[in-house]
């Protein structure tokens, strides 16, 4: 495992697009993205946005074989700056679109209810290149990140929309805190520590 730097933006976004582009069911990614012929292009922009936010206010880790990644954010370190506002505006215009903004804001408000006000770590997204799914690469990366954070005293809070991901996180010690169904798909909130 290695910590990503700015030069890894393309690699990380490619991994995440490979992992999430085949998913057609309702989930947080598909809620954000307009489902049309530019879906993959918009997904690329979304993953680059998540990279930018995580590299500024968290850490990003990439597996040794460059096939999986996890983006972590430390919400207590986030700041609103001119450059973060530009990122948000670009995301709205080029990825979300005005019609979907209210759905995305609704999701954010629901999530805000279940993320603690105290300092915590938030895994934003984790992905593995589609052809490596099931190879153990993602599990090894998750174990390495967990080992890296073993002296961490902060709670780790994550949300997931699929039963498969929930079960995987539970194997790593996460416990379900809440389940929400108001968006048309389940949102599970899990906690470690």
N, C-alpha and C. Protein backbone atom coordinates (compact mmCIF):
# COMPACT_ATOMS: atom_id res chain seq x y z
N UNK A 1 0.84 -1.18 0.00
CA UNK A 1 0.00 0.00 0.00
C UNK A 1 0.89 1.24 0.00
N UNK A 2 0.43 2.25 -0.73
CA UNK A 2 1.14 3.51 -0.72
C UNK A 2 0.14 4.65 -0.64
N UNK A 3 0.61 5.76 -0.12
CA UNK A 3 -0.22 6.95 -0.01
C UNK A 3 -0.17 7.69 -1.34
N UNK A 4 -1.33 8.07 -1.84
CA UNK A 4 -1.41 8.76 -3.13
C UNK A 4 -0.93 10.20 -3.01
N UNK A 5 -0.48 10.72 -4.13
CA UNK A 5 -0.12 12.13 -4.25
C UNK A 5 -0.93 12.71 -5.41
N UNK A 6 -0.75 13.98 -5.67
CA UNK A 6 -1.48 14.65 -6.75
C UNK A 6 -1.33 13.96 -8.10
N UNK A 7 -0.18 13.36 -8.34
CA UNK A 7 0.04 12.73 -9.65
C UNK A 7 -0.78 11.45 -9.84
N UNK A 8 -1.41 10.95 -8.78
CA UNK A 8 -2.20 9.72 -8.86
C UNK A 8 -3.67 9.96 -9.19
N UNK A 9 -4.04 11.20 -9.46
CA UNK A 9 -5.44 11.54 -9.70
C UNK A 9 -6.06 10.70 -10.83
N UNK A 10 -5.37 10.59 -11.94
CA UNK A 10 -5.90 9.84 -13.09
C UNK A 10 -6.05 8.36 -12.74
N UNK A 11 -5.03 7.78 -12.10
CA UNK A 11 -5.08 6.37 -11.71
C UNK A 11 -6.25 6.10 -10.78
N UNK A 12 -6.39 6.92 -9.75
CA UNK A 12 -7.46 6.73 -8.77
C UNK A 12 -8.83 6.86 -9.43
N UNK A 13 -9.01 7.87 -10.27
CA UNK A 13 -10.31 8.03 -10.91
C UNK A 13 -10.60 6.87 -11.88
N UNK A 14 -9.57 6.34 -12.55
CA UNK A 14 -9.77 5.19 -13.44
C UNK A 14 -10.19 3.95 -12.65
N UNK A 15 -9.57 3.73 -11.50
CA UNK A 15 -9.95 2.59 -10.64
C UNK A 15 -11.41 2.73 -10.23
N UNK A 16 -11.78 3.91 -9.77
CA UNK A 16 -13.14 4.12 -9.27
C UNK A 16 -14.18 4.02 -10.38
N UNK A 17 -13.88 4.57 -11.55
CA UNK A 17 -14.82 4.46 -12.68
C UNK A 17 -14.98 3.01 -13.08
N UNK A 18 -13.88 2.26 -13.12
CA UNK A 18 -13.94 0.83 -13.45
C UNK A 18 -14.82 0.08 -12.45
N UNK A 19 -14.72 0.45 -11.19
CA UNK A 19 -15.48 -0.23 -10.14
C UNK A 19 -16.97 0.12 -10.17
N UNK A 20 -17.29 1.37 -10.45
CA UNK A 20 -18.67 1.83 -10.31
C UNK A 20 -19.45 1.95 -11.61
N UNK A 21 -18.78 2.00 -12.75
CA UNK A 21 -19.53 2.16 -14.01
C UNK A 21 -20.45 0.98 -14.33
N UNK A 22 -20.10 -0.27 -13.97
CA UNK A 22 -21.02 -1.37 -14.28
C UNK A 22 -22.29 -1.38 -13.40
N UNK A 23 -22.28 -0.65 -12.29
CA UNK A 23 -23.41 -0.69 -11.36
C UNK A 23 -24.56 0.16 -11.89
N UNK A 24 -25.66 -0.48 -12.15
CA UNK A 24 -26.83 0.23 -12.68
C UNK A 24 -27.93 0.41 -11.62
N UNK A 25 -27.81 -0.32 -10.50
CA UNK A 25 -28.84 -0.22 -9.47
C UNK A 25 -28.78 1.15 -8.78
N UNK A 26 -29.83 1.44 -8.03
CA UNK A 26 -29.87 2.71 -7.31
C UNK A 26 -28.83 2.70 -6.20
N UNK A 27 -28.00 3.73 -6.19
CA UNK A 27 -26.99 3.91 -5.15
C UNK A 27 -26.59 5.38 -5.16
N UNK A 28 -25.70 5.75 -4.28
CA UNK A 28 -25.32 7.17 -4.15
C UNK A 28 -24.67 7.71 -5.42
N UNK A 29 -23.85 6.91 -6.08
CA UNK A 29 -23.18 7.37 -7.31
C UNK A 29 -24.22 7.64 -8.39
N UNK A 30 -25.13 6.70 -8.59
CA UNK A 30 -26.15 6.87 -9.63
C UNK A 30 -27.18 7.94 -9.27
N UNK A 31 -27.33 8.24 -8.00
CA UNK A 31 -28.19 9.36 -7.59
C UNK A 31 -27.59 10.68 -8.07
N UNK A 32 -26.29 10.80 -7.96
CA UNK A 32 -25.59 12.03 -8.33
C UNK A 32 -25.54 12.20 -9.85
N UNK A 33 -25.30 11.11 -10.56
CA UNK A 33 -25.04 11.19 -12.00
C UNK A 33 -26.32 11.13 -12.83
N UNK A 34 -26.39 11.99 -13.80
CA UNK A 34 -27.45 11.91 -14.79
C UNK A 34 -27.21 10.65 -15.61
N UNK A 35 -28.25 9.87 -15.80
CA UNK A 35 -28.12 8.60 -16.50
C UNK A 35 -28.38 8.79 -17.99
N UNK A 36 -27.36 9.14 -18.71
CA UNK A 36 -27.46 9.35 -20.15
C UNK A 36 -26.18 8.89 -20.82
N UNK A 37 -25.98 9.25 -22.08
CA UNK A 37 -24.80 8.79 -22.82
C UNK A 37 -23.50 9.37 -22.29
N UNK A 38 -23.58 10.41 -21.45
CA UNK A 38 -22.37 11.01 -20.87
C UNK A 38 -22.12 10.53 -19.43
N UNK A 39 -22.78 9.46 -19.04
CA UNK A 39 -22.68 8.96 -17.66
C UNK A 39 -21.23 8.68 -17.25
N UNK A 40 -20.47 8.01 -18.10
CA UNK A 40 -19.08 7.66 -17.77
C UNK A 40 -18.23 8.93 -17.68
N UNK A 41 -18.43 9.85 -18.58
CA UNK A 41 -17.70 11.13 -18.54
C UNK A 41 -18.00 11.88 -17.24
N UNK A 42 -19.28 11.88 -16.87
CA UNK A 42 -19.66 12.54 -15.61
C UNK A 42 -19.10 11.80 -14.40
N UNK A 43 -19.08 10.47 -14.48
CA UNK A 43 -18.53 9.68 -13.38
C UNK A 43 -17.05 10.00 -13.21
N UNK A 44 -16.33 10.15 -14.30
CA UNK A 44 -14.91 10.52 -14.25
C UNK A 44 -14.75 11.85 -13.51
N UNK A 45 -15.60 12.83 -13.83
CA UNK A 45 -15.54 14.13 -13.15
C UNK A 45 -15.85 14.00 -11.66
N UNK A 46 -16.84 13.17 -11.33
CA UNK A 46 -17.19 12.95 -9.92
C UNK A 46 -16.02 12.33 -9.16
N UNK A 47 -15.37 11.33 -9.75
CA UNK A 47 -14.25 10.67 -9.08
C UNK A 47 -13.06 11.61 -8.92
N UNK A 48 -12.84 12.48 -9.91
CA UNK A 48 -11.78 13.48 -9.79
C UNK A 48 -12.11 14.48 -8.68
N UNK A 49 -13.38 14.83 -8.56
CA UNK A 49 -13.84 15.72 -7.48
C UNK A 49 -13.57 15.07 -6.11
N UNK A 50 -13.96 13.80 -5.97
CA UNK A 50 -13.74 13.09 -4.70
C UNK A 50 -12.24 12.99 -4.39
N UNK A 51 -11.43 12.78 -5.43
CA UNK A 51 -9.98 12.76 -5.24
C UNK A 51 -9.50 14.10 -4.69
N UNK A 52 -9.91 15.19 -5.33
CA UNK A 52 -9.47 16.53 -4.92
C UNK A 52 -9.86 16.83 -3.48
N UNK A 53 -11.08 16.51 -3.10
CA UNK A 53 -11.53 16.76 -1.72
C UNK A 53 -10.75 15.90 -0.72
N UNK A 54 -10.51 14.64 -1.09
CA UNK A 54 -9.82 13.73 -0.17
C UNK A 54 -8.33 14.04 -0.05
N UNK A 55 -7.68 14.44 -1.13
CA UNK A 55 -6.25 14.74 -1.08
C UNK A 55 -6.02 16.01 -0.25
N UNK A 56 -6.98 16.93 -0.24
CA UNK A 56 -6.86 18.18 0.53
C UNK A 56 -7.20 17.99 2.00
N UNK A 57 -8.20 17.16 2.27
CA UNK A 57 -8.72 17.07 3.63
C UNK A 57 -8.72 15.64 4.16
N UNK A 58 -7.78 14.85 3.71
CA UNK A 58 -7.71 13.47 4.17
C UNK A 58 -6.50 12.76 3.59
N UNK A 59 -6.67 11.50 3.28
CA UNK A 59 -5.60 10.68 2.73
C UNK A 59 -6.20 9.71 1.72
N UNK A 60 -5.40 9.33 0.75
CA UNK A 60 -5.82 8.35 -0.25
C UNK A 60 -4.76 7.27 -0.29
N UNK A 61 -5.21 6.02 -0.28
CA UNK A 61 -4.28 4.89 -0.33
C UNK A 61 -4.57 4.04 -1.56
N UNK A 62 -3.49 3.56 -2.17
CA UNK A 62 -3.56 2.74 -3.38
C UNK A 62 -2.89 1.40 -3.08
N UNK A 63 -3.49 0.34 -3.56
CA UNK A 63 -2.91 -1.00 -3.36
C UNK A 63 -1.56 -1.11 -4.08
N UNK A 64 -0.76 -2.06 -3.64
CA UNK A 64 0.57 -2.25 -4.22
C UNK A 64 0.52 -2.53 -5.73
N UNK A 65 -0.56 -3.19 -6.18
CA UNK A 65 -0.66 -3.51 -7.61
C UNK A 65 -1.39 -2.43 -8.42
N UNK A 66 -1.70 -1.30 -7.77
CA UNK A 66 -2.38 -0.16 -8.42
C UNK A 66 -3.75 -0.53 -8.98
N UNK A 67 -4.45 -1.46 -8.32
CA UNK A 67 -5.75 -1.89 -8.82
C UNK A 67 -6.90 -1.55 -7.87
N UNK A 68 -6.60 -1.06 -6.67
CA UNK A 68 -7.63 -0.69 -5.69
C UNK A 68 -7.20 0.58 -4.98
N UNK A 69 -8.20 1.30 -4.50
CA UNK A 69 -7.89 2.52 -3.75
C UNK A 69 -9.00 2.79 -2.74
N UNK A 70 -8.65 3.56 -1.74
CA UNK A 70 -9.61 4.01 -0.74
C UNK A 70 -9.32 5.48 -0.45
N UNK A 71 -10.38 6.27 -0.42
CA UNK A 71 -10.27 7.70 -0.16
C UNK A 71 -10.85 7.98 1.22
N UNK A 72 -10.06 8.59 2.08
CA UNK A 72 -10.48 8.94 3.44
C UNK A 72 -10.54 10.45 3.57
N UNK A 73 -11.53 10.92 4.33
CA UNK A 73 -11.61 12.35 4.63
C UNK A 73 -11.65 12.52 6.14
N UNK A 74 -11.07 13.62 6.59
CA UNK A 74 -11.12 14.00 7.99
C UNK A 74 -11.99 15.25 8.06
N UNK A 75 -13.30 15.09 8.24
CA UNK A 75 -14.23 16.23 8.16
C UNK A 75 -13.86 17.41 9.05
N UNK A 76 -13.22 17.15 10.18
CA UNK A 76 -12.85 18.24 11.09
C UNK A 76 -11.74 19.11 10.50
N UNK A 77 -11.10 18.66 9.41
CA UNK A 77 -10.06 19.45 8.77
C UNK A 77 -10.56 20.20 7.53
N UNK A 78 -11.80 19.92 7.13
CA UNK A 78 -12.34 20.55 5.92
C UNK A 78 -12.55 22.04 6.12
N UNK A 79 -12.24 22.78 5.06
CA UNK A 79 -12.44 24.23 5.05
C UNK A 79 -13.08 24.62 3.73
N UNK A 80 -13.85 25.67 3.79
CA UNK A 80 -14.39 26.24 2.56
C UNK A 80 -13.43 27.32 2.09
N UNK A 81 -12.91 27.13 0.89
CA UNK A 81 -11.99 28.09 0.29
C UNK A 81 -12.51 28.42 -1.10
N UNK A 82 -11.90 29.38 -1.73
CA UNK A 82 -12.27 29.72 -3.09
C UNK A 82 -12.11 28.51 -4.01
N UNK A 83 -11.02 27.77 -3.85
CA UNK A 83 -10.79 26.61 -4.73
C UNK A 83 -11.79 25.48 -4.46
N UNK A 84 -12.20 25.28 -3.20
CA UNK A 84 -13.21 24.24 -2.94
C UNK A 84 -14.57 24.67 -3.47
N UNK A 85 -14.87 25.95 -3.39
CA UNK A 85 -16.12 26.43 -3.98
C UNK A 85 -16.12 26.23 -5.49
N UNK A 86 -14.99 26.49 -6.13
CA UNK A 86 -14.89 26.26 -7.59
C UNK A 86 -15.09 24.78 -7.92
N UNK A 87 -14.53 23.90 -7.10
CA UNK A 87 -14.74 22.47 -7.30
C UNK A 87 -16.22 22.12 -7.22
N UNK A 88 -16.90 22.67 -6.21
CA UNK A 88 -18.33 22.40 -6.03
C UNK A 88 -19.15 22.91 -7.21
N UNK A 89 -18.86 24.12 -7.66
CA UNK A 89 -19.60 24.71 -8.78
C UNK A 89 -19.37 23.88 -10.05
N UNK A 90 -18.13 23.48 -10.29
CA UNK A 90 -17.81 22.65 -11.46
C UNK A 90 -18.58 21.33 -11.39
N UNK A 91 -18.66 20.74 -10.19
CA UNK A 91 -19.39 19.48 -10.02
C UNK A 91 -20.86 19.67 -10.37
N UNK A 92 -21.45 20.76 -9.90
CA UNK A 92 -22.87 21.02 -10.18
C UNK A 92 -23.10 21.18 -11.68
N UNK A 93 -22.31 22.01 -12.32
CA UNK A 93 -22.54 22.30 -13.74
C UNK A 93 -22.18 21.15 -14.66
N UNK A 94 -21.08 20.44 -14.38
CA UNK A 94 -20.59 19.43 -15.32
C UNK A 94 -20.98 18.00 -14.98
N UNK A 95 -21.48 17.79 -13.77
CA UNK A 95 -21.73 16.41 -13.35
C UNK A 95 -23.16 16.20 -12.86
N UNK A 96 -23.58 16.99 -11.91
CA UNK A 96 -24.88 16.78 -11.27
C UNK A 96 -26.01 17.37 -12.10
N UNK A 97 -25.88 18.64 -12.44
CA UNK A 97 -26.97 19.34 -13.12
C UNK A 97 -27.94 19.90 -12.09
N UNK A 98 -28.61 20.97 -12.47
CA UNK A 98 -29.50 21.65 -11.51
C UNK A 98 -30.68 20.79 -11.08
N UNK A 99 -31.20 19.96 -11.96
CA UNK A 99 -32.36 19.13 -11.61
C UNK A 99 -32.05 18.13 -10.51
N UNK A 100 -30.80 17.71 -10.42
CA UNK A 100 -30.43 16.69 -9.44
C UNK A 100 -29.86 17.27 -8.14
N UNK A 101 -29.60 18.56 -8.12
CA UNK A 101 -28.97 19.18 -6.95
C UNK A 101 -29.78 18.92 -5.69
N UNK A 102 -31.10 19.03 -5.77
CA UNK A 102 -31.91 18.86 -4.57
C UNK A 102 -31.88 17.42 -4.07
N UNK A 103 -31.81 16.44 -4.97
CA UNK A 103 -31.67 15.04 -4.55
C UNK A 103 -30.33 14.83 -3.84
N UNK A 104 -29.28 15.42 -4.39
CA UNK A 104 -27.96 15.28 -3.79
C UNK A 104 -27.92 15.97 -2.43
N UNK A 105 -28.51 17.16 -2.34
CA UNK A 105 -28.56 17.86 -1.05
C UNK A 105 -29.36 17.06 -0.02
N UNK A 106 -30.45 16.42 -0.45
CA UNK A 106 -31.24 15.58 0.45
C UNK A 106 -30.39 14.43 1.00
N UNK A 107 -29.60 13.82 0.11
CA UNK A 107 -28.72 12.74 0.55
C UNK A 107 -27.70 13.25 1.56
N UNK A 108 -27.14 14.43 1.29
CA UNK A 108 -26.15 15.02 2.20
C UNK A 108 -26.78 15.34 3.56
N UNK A 109 -27.99 15.84 3.56
CA UNK A 109 -28.67 16.14 4.83
C UNK A 109 -28.94 14.87 5.64
N UNK A 110 -29.36 13.82 4.96
CA UNK A 110 -29.58 12.54 5.65
C UNK A 110 -28.26 12.05 6.24
N UNK A 111 -27.21 12.08 5.45
CA UNK A 111 -25.90 11.61 5.93
C UNK A 111 -25.43 12.45 7.11
N UNK A 112 -25.63 13.76 7.05
CA UNK A 112 -25.18 14.65 8.13
C UNK A 112 -25.83 14.29 9.46
N UNK A 113 -27.04 13.76 9.41
CA UNK A 113 -27.73 13.36 10.65
C UNK A 113 -26.99 12.23 11.37
N UNK A 114 -26.33 11.37 10.61
CA UNK A 114 -25.74 10.17 11.19
C UNK A 114 -24.22 10.23 11.32
N UNK A 115 -23.61 11.25 10.77
CA UNK A 115 -22.18 11.44 11.00
C UNK A 115 -22.03 12.28 12.25
N UNK A 116 -21.13 11.87 13.15
CA UNK A 116 -21.02 12.60 14.43
C UNK A 116 -20.45 14.00 14.25
N UNK A 117 -20.78 14.85 15.18
CA UNK A 117 -20.21 16.21 15.20
C UNK A 117 -18.76 16.17 15.69
N UNK A 118 -18.43 15.13 16.45
CA UNK A 118 -17.07 14.98 16.97
C UNK A 118 -16.11 14.65 15.82
N UNK A 119 -14.84 14.78 16.05
CA UNK A 119 -13.83 14.44 15.06
C UNK A 119 -13.97 12.96 14.70
N UNK A 120 -13.86 12.66 13.43
CA UNK A 120 -13.93 11.27 12.98
C UNK A 120 -13.26 11.15 11.61
N UNK A 121 -13.08 9.92 11.19
CA UNK A 121 -12.54 9.62 9.87
C UNK A 121 -13.68 9.08 9.03
N UNK A 122 -13.75 9.55 7.79
CA UNK A 122 -14.82 9.11 6.91
C UNK A 122 -14.23 8.53 5.63
N UNK A 123 -14.28 7.20 5.48
CA UNK A 123 -13.95 6.64 4.18
C UNK A 123 -14.99 7.11 3.18
N UNK A 124 -14.57 7.84 2.16
CA UNK A 124 -15.48 8.44 1.19
C UNK A 124 -15.91 7.41 0.16
N UNK A 125 -14.94 6.69 -0.37
CA UNK A 125 -15.23 5.70 -1.41
C UNK A 125 -14.05 4.74 -1.50
N UNK A 126 -14.37 3.52 -1.83
CA UNK A 126 -13.35 2.50 -2.05
C UNK A 126 -13.71 1.79 -3.34
N UNK A 127 -12.72 1.48 -4.14
CA UNK A 127 -13.00 0.78 -5.38
C UNK A 127 -11.86 -0.10 -5.81
N UNK A 128 -12.21 -1.05 -6.65
CA UNK A 128 -11.23 -1.96 -7.23
C UNK A 128 -11.54 -2.10 -8.70
N UNK A 129 -10.51 -2.15 -9.52
CA UNK A 129 -10.73 -2.35 -10.96
C UNK A 129 -11.60 -3.59 -11.15
N UNK A 130 -12.57 -3.47 -12.01
CA UNK A 130 -13.57 -4.51 -12.19
C UNK A 130 -12.97 -5.90 -12.37
N UNK A 131 -11.93 -6.00 -13.19
CA UNK A 131 -11.35 -7.32 -13.48
C UNK A 131 -10.61 -7.92 -12.28
N UNK A 132 -10.39 -7.14 -11.22
CA UNK A 132 -9.72 -7.64 -10.02
C UNK A 132 -10.69 -7.87 -8.86
N UNK A 133 -11.97 -7.60 -9.09
CA UNK A 133 -12.98 -7.82 -8.06
C UNK A 133 -12.99 -9.29 -7.66
N UNK A 134 -12.94 -9.56 -6.37
CA UNK A 134 -12.91 -10.93 -5.88
C UNK A 134 -11.51 -11.51 -5.76
N UNK A 135 -10.49 -10.74 -6.10
CA UNK A 135 -9.11 -11.25 -6.06
C UNK A 135 -8.47 -11.13 -4.68
N UNK A 136 -9.11 -10.42 -3.77
CA UNK A 136 -8.54 -10.19 -2.45
C UNK A 136 -7.76 -8.88 -2.35
N UNK A 137 -7.60 -8.20 -3.46
CA UNK A 137 -6.85 -6.94 -3.48
C UNK A 137 -7.50 -5.90 -2.59
N UNK A 138 -8.81 -5.74 -2.70
CA UNK A 138 -9.52 -4.74 -1.89
C UNK A 138 -9.45 -5.10 -0.40
N UNK A 139 -9.60 -6.37 -0.09
CA UNK A 139 -9.53 -6.82 1.31
C UNK A 139 -8.15 -6.56 1.89
N UNK A 140 -7.11 -6.85 1.12
CA UNK A 140 -5.74 -6.59 1.60
C UNK A 140 -5.53 -5.10 1.83
N UNK A 141 -6.02 -4.27 0.91
CA UNK A 141 -5.89 -2.83 1.08
C UNK A 141 -6.61 -2.37 2.34
N UNK A 142 -7.82 -2.87 2.54
CA UNK A 142 -8.59 -2.49 3.73
C UNK A 142 -7.86 -2.91 5.01
N UNK A 143 -7.28 -4.10 5.02
CA UNK A 143 -6.52 -4.56 6.19
C UNK A 143 -5.30 -3.68 6.44
N UNK A 144 -4.61 -3.30 5.36
CA UNK A 144 -3.43 -2.46 5.51
C UNK A 144 -3.80 -1.06 6.03
N UNK A 145 -4.90 -0.51 5.54
CA UNK A 145 -5.35 0.81 6.01
C UNK A 145 -5.76 0.70 7.47
N UNK A 146 -6.48 -0.36 7.82
CA UNK A 146 -6.89 -0.56 9.22
C UNK A 146 -5.66 -0.68 10.13
N UNK A 147 -4.65 -1.43 9.69
CA UNK A 147 -3.41 -1.57 10.45
C UNK A 147 -2.71 -0.22 10.59
N UNK A 148 -2.68 0.54 9.48
CA UNK A 148 -2.06 1.87 9.48
C UNK A 148 -2.75 2.79 10.49
N UNK A 149 -4.05 2.64 10.64
CA UNK A 149 -4.82 3.50 11.54
C UNK A 149 -5.04 2.87 12.92
N UNK A 150 -4.31 1.81 13.26
CA UNK A 150 -4.59 1.07 14.49
C UNK A 150 -4.45 1.91 15.76
N UNK A 151 -3.59 2.90 15.76
CA UNK A 151 -3.45 3.76 16.94
C UNK A 151 -4.41 4.94 16.92
N UNK A 152 -5.23 4.98 15.90
CA UNK A 152 -6.22 6.04 15.76
C UNK A 152 -7.27 5.93 16.87
N UNK A 153 -7.57 7.03 17.50
CA UNK A 153 -8.59 7.05 18.55
C UNK A 153 -9.93 7.57 18.03
N UNK A 154 -9.93 8.06 16.80
CA UNK A 154 -11.15 8.64 16.24
C UNK A 154 -12.06 7.54 15.70
N UNK A 155 -13.38 7.73 15.81
CA UNK A 155 -14.27 6.76 15.19
C UNK A 155 -14.17 6.84 13.67
N UNK A 156 -14.38 5.73 13.03
CA UNK A 156 -14.41 5.67 11.57
C UNK A 156 -15.86 5.39 11.19
N UNK A 157 -16.45 6.31 10.44
CA UNK A 157 -17.87 6.22 10.06
C UNK A 157 -17.95 6.12 8.55
N UNK A 158 -18.74 5.17 8.07
CA UNK A 158 -18.90 4.98 6.63
C UNK A 158 -20.36 4.75 6.30
N UNK A 159 -20.75 5.14 5.10
CA UNK A 159 -22.09 4.77 4.64
C UNK A 159 -21.95 3.90 3.41
N UNK A 160 -22.88 2.97 3.26
CA UNK A 160 -22.85 2.02 2.14
C UNK A 160 -24.29 1.78 1.68
N UNK A 161 -24.43 1.49 0.39
CA UNK A 161 -25.76 1.27 -0.16
C UNK A 161 -26.02 -0.19 -0.51
N UNK A 162 -24.99 -1.00 -0.59
CA UNK A 162 -25.22 -2.40 -0.99
C UNK A 162 -24.98 -3.35 0.18
N UNK A 163 -25.79 -4.40 0.20
CA UNK A 163 -25.64 -5.44 1.22
C UNK A 163 -24.24 -6.07 1.15
N UNK A 164 -23.74 -6.25 -0.07
CA UNK A 164 -22.40 -6.84 -0.26
C UNK A 164 -21.35 -6.00 0.45
N UNK A 165 -21.39 -4.68 0.27
CA UNK A 165 -20.41 -3.81 0.92
C UNK A 165 -20.60 -3.79 2.43
N UNK A 166 -21.85 -3.79 2.89
CA UNK A 166 -22.11 -3.81 4.33
C UNK A 166 -21.49 -5.05 4.95
N UNK A 167 -21.70 -6.19 4.32
CA UNK A 167 -21.14 -7.45 4.85
C UNK A 167 -19.61 -7.41 4.87
N UNK A 168 -19.02 -6.82 3.83
CA UNK A 168 -17.55 -6.71 3.79
C UNK A 168 -17.07 -5.83 4.95
N UNK A 169 -17.71 -4.66 5.16
CA UNK A 169 -17.29 -3.78 6.24
C UNK A 169 -17.48 -4.44 7.60
N UNK A 170 -18.53 -5.23 7.76
CA UNK A 170 -18.75 -5.93 9.02
C UNK A 170 -17.62 -6.93 9.29
N UNK A 171 -17.08 -7.55 8.25
CA UNK A 171 -15.95 -8.47 8.43
C UNK A 171 -14.73 -7.75 8.99
N UNK A 172 -14.64 -6.44 8.73
CA UNK A 172 -13.51 -5.66 9.23
C UNK A 172 -13.82 -4.98 10.57
N UNK A 173 -14.94 -5.33 11.17
CA UNK A 173 -15.25 -4.84 12.51
C UNK A 173 -16.24 -3.68 12.57
N UNK A 174 -16.73 -3.21 11.44
CA UNK A 174 -17.72 -2.14 11.45
C UNK A 174 -19.06 -2.69 11.95
N UNK A 175 -19.79 -1.86 12.64
CA UNK A 175 -21.11 -2.24 13.15
C UNK A 175 -22.15 -1.27 12.60
N UNK A 176 -23.29 -1.81 12.17
CA UNK A 176 -24.37 -0.98 11.64
C UNK A 176 -24.94 -0.12 12.75
N UNK A 177 -25.02 1.18 12.51
CA UNK A 177 -25.60 2.12 13.46
C UNK A 177 -27.04 2.49 13.07
N UNK A 178 -27.27 2.58 11.77
CA UNK A 178 -28.58 3.03 11.29
C UNK A 178 -28.75 2.61 9.83
N UNK A 179 -30.00 2.41 9.44
CA UNK A 179 -30.34 2.16 8.03
C UNK A 179 -31.44 3.14 7.64
N UNK A 180 -31.27 3.80 6.51
CA UNK A 180 -32.25 4.75 5.97
C UNK A 180 -32.72 4.25 4.62
N UNK A 181 -33.99 4.45 4.30
CA UNK A 181 -34.53 4.02 3.02
C UNK A 181 -35.24 5.14 2.26
N UNK A 182 -35.07 6.37 2.64
CA UNK A 182 -35.87 7.46 2.06
C UNK A 182 -35.45 7.88 0.65
N UNK A 183 -34.31 7.43 0.15
CA UNK A 183 -33.84 7.84 -1.17
C UNK A 183 -34.21 6.86 -2.28
N UNK A 184 -34.91 5.79 -1.93
CA UNK A 184 -35.25 4.79 -2.93
C UNK A 184 -34.25 3.65 -2.98
N UNK A 185 -33.24 3.70 -2.13
CA UNK A 185 -32.27 2.63 -1.97
C UNK A 185 -31.79 2.71 -0.52
N UNK A 186 -31.31 1.59 0.04
CA UNK A 186 -30.88 1.63 1.43
C UNK A 186 -29.56 2.39 1.60
N UNK A 187 -29.46 3.10 2.70
CA UNK A 187 -28.20 3.71 3.11
C UNK A 187 -27.90 3.21 4.51
N UNK A 188 -26.83 2.45 4.63
CA UNK A 188 -26.40 1.93 5.93
C UNK A 188 -25.29 2.83 6.45
N UNK A 189 -25.36 3.13 7.73
CA UNK A 189 -24.30 3.89 8.38
C UNK A 189 -23.62 2.94 9.36
N UNK A 190 -22.30 2.77 9.20
CA UNK A 190 -21.54 1.84 10.00
C UNK A 190 -20.43 2.56 10.73
N UNK A 191 -20.03 2.00 11.88
CA UNK A 191 -19.03 2.65 12.72
C UNK A 191 -18.00 1.63 13.20
N UNK A 192 -16.75 2.11 13.24
CA UNK A 192 -15.64 1.35 13.81
C UNK A 192 -15.03 2.23 14.87
N UNK A 193 -14.75 1.71 16.05
CA UNK A 193 -14.19 2.43 17.22
C UNK A 193 -15.29 3.04 18.05
